[in-house]
Amino acid sequence: MPDQGPPAPVNPLPPFLIALFLVIMGVEAAFTLGARGLVGGPDAVGWRAAAIQDYGFNGEILGWMLEHNAYPAEHLRRLLSYAFIHGSFTHALFAGVLLLAMGKFVSDVFRHWAVLVLFAVSTVVGAVIFGLVAPGRPWLIGAFPGVYGLIGGFTYIMWLRLGQMGTNQVRAFTLIGVLMGLQLVFGLLFGGNATWIADVSGFASGFLASFVLSPGGWSRLRAKLRHD
């Protein structure tokens, strides 16, 4: 047999994570280049603003759907599409890098389809909770609620491992505590908005969904419910 060489020191990034990252950065590249007049002509300067209007999420939209009991596809798609629209190149880059990092860690334990579902569920739940309770009805854009959902999956994995080791499981929540602390500091220094509601909701939904989406998670959950 031919020599296949030594095994890779780390597992490669799953293709779906790379695809999500490329979509996020591809959309942002179009906005950035368009704003600088490098692509798309004069109309490209307004691409980002138009995309926020067409694909971003807003509490007023959710309120209208609930009030009229009407859920047109053009508004329902916003529950996911807002994750691919960002306010700046830096915003998109940070979201993309965290997506790769957290997604890679969770993918080493969860099935790949489960990670994708985790990201989608957290994105949707983050938007819905934001739309229901966010003051001032600001626009919600960016992949961070879905990324925070992956952080919820990461926290779930660490929570299980610490439990198996007989260590204090509260330590599993250190990362989310640090991130929310940083958000608070930046909000106090530079001004903030209510998008943290979507992030926290994304984290909580990601953590809870992991009880079902993790390998053997549904069986463990049913056994625990029976035991209780």
Protein backbone atom coordinates (compact mmCIF):
# COMPACT_ATOMS: atom_id res chain seq x y z
CA MET A 1 0.00 0.00 0.00
CA PRO A 2 1.29 3.52 -0.74
CA ASP A 3 2.47 5.58 2.17
CA GLN A 4 -0.33 7.98 3.10
CA GLY A 5 1.88 10.02 5.39
CA PRO A 6 1.28 10.97 9.02
CA PRO A 7 -2.27 11.82 10.12
CA ALA A 8 -3.27 15.48 10.22
CA PRO A 9 -2.64 17.03 13.65
CA VAL A 10 -6.17 18.48 13.65
CA ASN A 11 -9.33 17.59 11.82
CA PRO A 12 -10.06 19.78 8.79
CA LEU A 13 -12.89 22.29 8.89
CA PRO A 14 -16.21 20.77 7.83
CA PRO A 15 -17.27 21.90 4.32
CA PHE A 16 -20.54 23.40 5.55
CA LEU A 17 -18.65 25.72 7.92
CA ILE A 18 -16.38 26.85 5.11
CA ALA A 19 -19.44 27.44 2.92
CA LEU A 20 -21.16 29.56 5.59
CA PHE A 21 -18.00 31.58 6.13
CA LEU A 22 -17.57 32.18 2.40
CA VAL A 23 -21.19 33.31 2.03
CA ILE A 24 -20.83 35.76 4.93
CA MET A 25 -17.56 37.19 3.64
CA GLY A 26 -18.72 37.14 0.02
CA VAL A 27 -21.78 39.23 0.83
CA GLU A 28 -19.65 41.60 2.89
CA ALA A 29 -17.05 41.89 0.11
CA ALA A 30 -19.79 42.99 -2.30
CA PHE A 31 -21.01 45.65 0.14
CA THR A 32 -17.50 46.92 0.93
CA LEU A 33 -16.35 47.06 -2.69
CA GLY A 34 -19.64 48.57 -3.77
CA ALA A 35 -19.43 51.31 -1.14
CA ARG A 36 -16.00 52.23 -2.51
CA GLY A 37 -17.24 52.35 -6.09
CA LEU A 38 -15.14 49.37 -7.19
CA VAL A 39 -18.10 47.22 -8.30
CA GLY A 40 -21.73 47.71 -9.25
CA GLY A 41 -21.64 51.34 -10.33
CA PRO A 42 -23.23 54.28 -8.46
CA ASP A 43 -26.14 52.21 -7.11
CA ALA A 44 -23.76 49.88 -5.25
CA VAL A 45 -23.18 52.51 -2.57
CA GLY A 46 -26.63 51.72 -1.19
CA TRP A 47 -26.42 47.93 -1.39
CA ARG A 48 -25.91 47.45 2.35
CA ALA A 49 -28.81 49.71 3.34
CA ALA A 50 -31.08 48.06 0.77
CA ALA A 51 -30.09 44.58 1.99
CA ILE A 52 -30.89 45.51 5.58
CA GLN A 53 -34.33 46.68 4.49
CA ASP A 54 -34.98 43.56 2.39
CA TYR A 55 -33.30 40.83 4.48
CA GLY A 56 -32.75 42.24 7.98
CA PHE A 57 -35.08 41.53 10.89
CA ASN A 58 -37.10 44.04 12.86
CA GLY A 59 -39.54 43.81 15.73
CA GLU A 60 -42.11 45.79 13.77
CA ILE A 61 -42.16 43.06 11.14
CA LEU A 62 -42.76 40.39 13.77
CA GLY A 63 -45.43 42.53 15.39
CA TRP A 64 -47.21 42.97 12.05
CA MET A 65 -47.18 39.21 11.40
CA LEU A 66 -48.55 38.41 14.85
CA GLU A 67 -51.18 41.13 14.69
CA HIS A 68 -52.50 40.06 11.28
CA ASN A 69 -51.83 36.33 11.75
CA ALA A 70 -50.07 36.41 8.39
CA TYR A 71 -46.63 34.97 7.74
CA PRO A 72 -45.53 35.69 4.17
CA ALA A 73 -42.36 33.98 2.97
CA GLU A 74 -40.70 37.33 2.28
CA HIS A 75 -40.81 38.08 6.02
CA LEU A 76 -40.26 34.57 7.37
CA ARG A 77 -37.00 34.32 5.43
CA ARG A 78 -35.71 37.28 7.44
CA LEU A 79 -35.49 35.00 10.48
CA LEU A 80 -32.44 33.42 8.79
CA SER A 81 -31.32 35.86 6.12
CA TYR A 82 -30.44 38.61 8.62
CA ALA A 83 -27.49 36.46 9.74
CA PHE A 84 -25.69 37.07 6.43
CA ILE A 85 -25.96 40.88 6.50
CA HIS A 86 -23.44 42.78 8.62
CA GLY A 87 -22.84 46.40 9.45
CA SER A 88 -19.17 46.52 8.45
CA PHE A 89 -16.27 44.39 7.29
CA THR A 90 -14.99 44.10 10.88
CA HIS A 91 -18.42 42.99 12.08
CA ALA A 92 -18.55 40.27 9.42
CA LEU A 93 -14.95 39.16 9.98
CA PHE A 94 -15.36 38.71 13.74
CA ALA A 95 -18.59 36.79 13.21
CA GLY A 96 -16.99 34.60 10.55
CA VAL A 97 -13.91 33.79 12.62
CA LEU A 98 -15.99 32.89 15.67
CA LEU A 99 -18.26 30.79 13.46
CA LEU A 100 -15.27 28.76 12.25
CA ALA A 101 -13.77 28.40 15.73
CA MET A 102 -16.93 27.46 17.61
CA GLY A 103 -18.33 25.42 14.73
CA LYS A 104 -15.10 23.42 14.47
CA PHE A 105 -15.10 22.59 18.18
CA VAL A 106 -18.75 21.55 18.25
CA SER A 107 -18.39 19.60 14.98
CA ASP A 108 -15.73 17.43 16.59
CA VAL A 109 -18.46 16.08 18.92
CA PHE A 110 -21.81 16.67 17.19
CA ARG A 111 -22.84 15.36 13.80
CA HIS A 112 -22.35 17.97 11.11
CA TRP A 113 -26.06 18.24 10.32
CA ALA A 114 -26.73 18.81 14.02
CA VAL A 115 -24.28 21.73 14.11
CA LEU A 116 -26.03 23.31 11.13
CA VAL A 117 -29.42 22.84 12.82
CA LEU A 118 -28.00 24.29 16.03
CA PHE A 119 -26.84 27.41 14.17
CA ALA A 120 -30.18 27.78 12.37
CA VAL A 121 -32.33 27.25 15.48
CA SER A 122 -30.28 29.76 17.48
CA THR A 123 -30.49 32.29 14.65
CA VAL A 124 -34.28 31.99 14.47
CA VAL A 125 -34.92 31.95 18.23
CA GLY A 126 -32.57 34.89 18.74
CA ALA A 127 -34.53 36.92 16.19
CA VAL A 128 -37.94 36.00 17.62
CA ILE A 129 -37.02 36.87 21.22
CA PHE A 130 -35.33 40.06 20.04
CA GLY A 131 -38.43 41.02 18.07
CA LEU A 132 -40.69 40.43 21.06
CA VAL A 133 -38.78 42.31 23.73
CA ALA A 134 -36.20 44.66 22.14
CA PRO A 135 -36.96 48.32 22.89
CA GLY A 136 -37.01 50.83 20.07
CA ARG A 137 -37.43 48.25 17.30
CA PRO A 138 -33.87 48.47 15.93
CA TRP A 139 -32.75 46.33 12.98
CA LEU A 140 -31.16 43.00 13.78
CA ILE A 141 -28.36 41.90 11.45
CA GLY A 142 -25.33 39.65 11.69
CA ALA A 143 -24.46 36.04 12.45
CA PHE A 144 -23.78 36.52 16.15
CA PRO A 145 -27.03 35.02 17.52
CA GLY A 146 -26.25 31.82 15.58
CA VAL A 147 -22.61 31.95 16.68
CA TYR A 148 -23.72 32.36 20.28
CA GLY A 149 -25.85 29.27 19.72
CA LEU A 150 -22.67 27.40 18.82
CA ILE A 151 -21.12 28.79 22.00
CA GLY A 152 -24.13 27.26 23.74
CA GLY A 153 -23.20 23.93 22.15
CA PHE A 154 -19.59 24.41 23.28
CA THR A 155 -20.80 25.16 26.80
CA TYR A 156 -22.96 22.05 26.80
CA ILE A 157 -19.97 19.89 25.81
CA MET A 158 -17.81 21.41 28.55
CA TRP A 159 -20.66 21.08 31.05
CA LEU A 160 -20.90 17.35 30.33
CA ARG A 161 -17.13 16.84 30.51
CA LEU A 162 -16.82 18.68 33.81
CA GLY A 163 -19.68 16.62 35.19
CA GLN A 164 -17.97 13.41 34.14
CA MET A 165 -14.79 14.60 35.87
CA GLY A 166 -16.69 15.45 39.03
CA THR A 167 -15.68 19.12 38.71
CA ASN A 168 -17.84 22.19 39.27
CA GLN A 169 -19.94 22.41 36.09
CA VAL A 170 -20.52 26.15 36.50
CA ARG A 171 -17.04 26.59 35.03
CA ALA A 172 -18.49 25.60 31.66
CA PHE A 173 -20.19 29.00 31.52
CA THR A 174 -16.93 30.95 31.81
CA LEU A 175 -16.71 31.75 28.08
CA ILE A 176 -20.22 33.16 27.79
CA GLY A 177 -19.66 35.12 30.99
CA VAL A 178 -16.50 36.70 29.58
CA LEU A 179 -18.16 37.52 26.26
CA MET A 180 -21.19 39.14 27.85
CA GLY A 181 -18.90 41.06 30.19
CA LEU A 182 -17.00 42.41 27.19
CA GLN A 183 -20.26 43.38 25.53
CA LEU A 184 -21.26 45.28 28.65
CA VAL A 185 -17.93 47.12 28.78
CA PHE A 186 -18.03 48.06 25.08
CA GLY A 187 -21.65 49.15 25.45
CA LEU A 188 -20.77 51.44 28.34
CA LEU A 189 -17.74 52.89 26.56
CA PHE A 190 -19.04 53.26 23.02
CA GLY A 191 -22.79 52.97 23.35
CA GLY A 192 -24.76 49.84 22.64
CA ASN A 193 -28.09 48.60 21.45
CA ALA A 194 -30.50 45.80 22.20
CA THR A 195 -28.89 43.20 19.92
CA TRP A 196 -27.39 41.54 23.01
CA ILE A 197 -30.91 40.19 23.64
CA ALA A 198 -30.65 38.15 20.44
CA ASP A 199 -27.16 36.97 21.39
CA VAL A 200 -28.21 35.77 24.85
CA SER A 201 -31.33 34.14 23.39
CA GLY A 202 -29.19 32.43 20.76
CA PHE A 203 -26.86 31.10 23.44
CA ALA A 204 -29.69 29.82 25.63
CA SER A 205 -31.45 28.12 22.73
CA GLY A 206 -28.17 26.59 21.55
CA PHE A 207 -27.41 25.21 25.00
CA LEU A 208 -30.90 23.76 25.43
CA ALA A 209 -31.07 22.37 21.89
CA SER A 210 -27.80 20.55 22.50
CA PHE A 211 -29.57 18.24 24.95
CA VAL A 212 -31.42 16.84 21.94
CA LEU A 213 -28.94 17.40 19.08
CA SER A 214 -25.85 15.94 20.75
CA PRO A 215 -25.00 12.28 20.00
CA GLY A 216 -27.32 10.18 22.12
CA GLY A 217 -28.80 13.36 23.53
CA TRP A 218 -32.44 12.46 22.96
CA SER A 219 -32.00 9.08 24.66
CA ARG A 220 -30.23 10.66 27.62
CA LEU A 221 -32.95 13.29 27.93
CA ARG A 222 -35.74 10.68 27.92
CA ALA A 223 -33.89 8.57 30.49
CA LYS A 224 -33.42 11.58 32.75
CA LEU A 225 -37.09 12.55 32.47
CA ARG A 226 -38.14 9.01 33.35
CA HIS A 227 -35.71 8.97 36.26
CA ASP A 228 -37.00 12.30 37.58
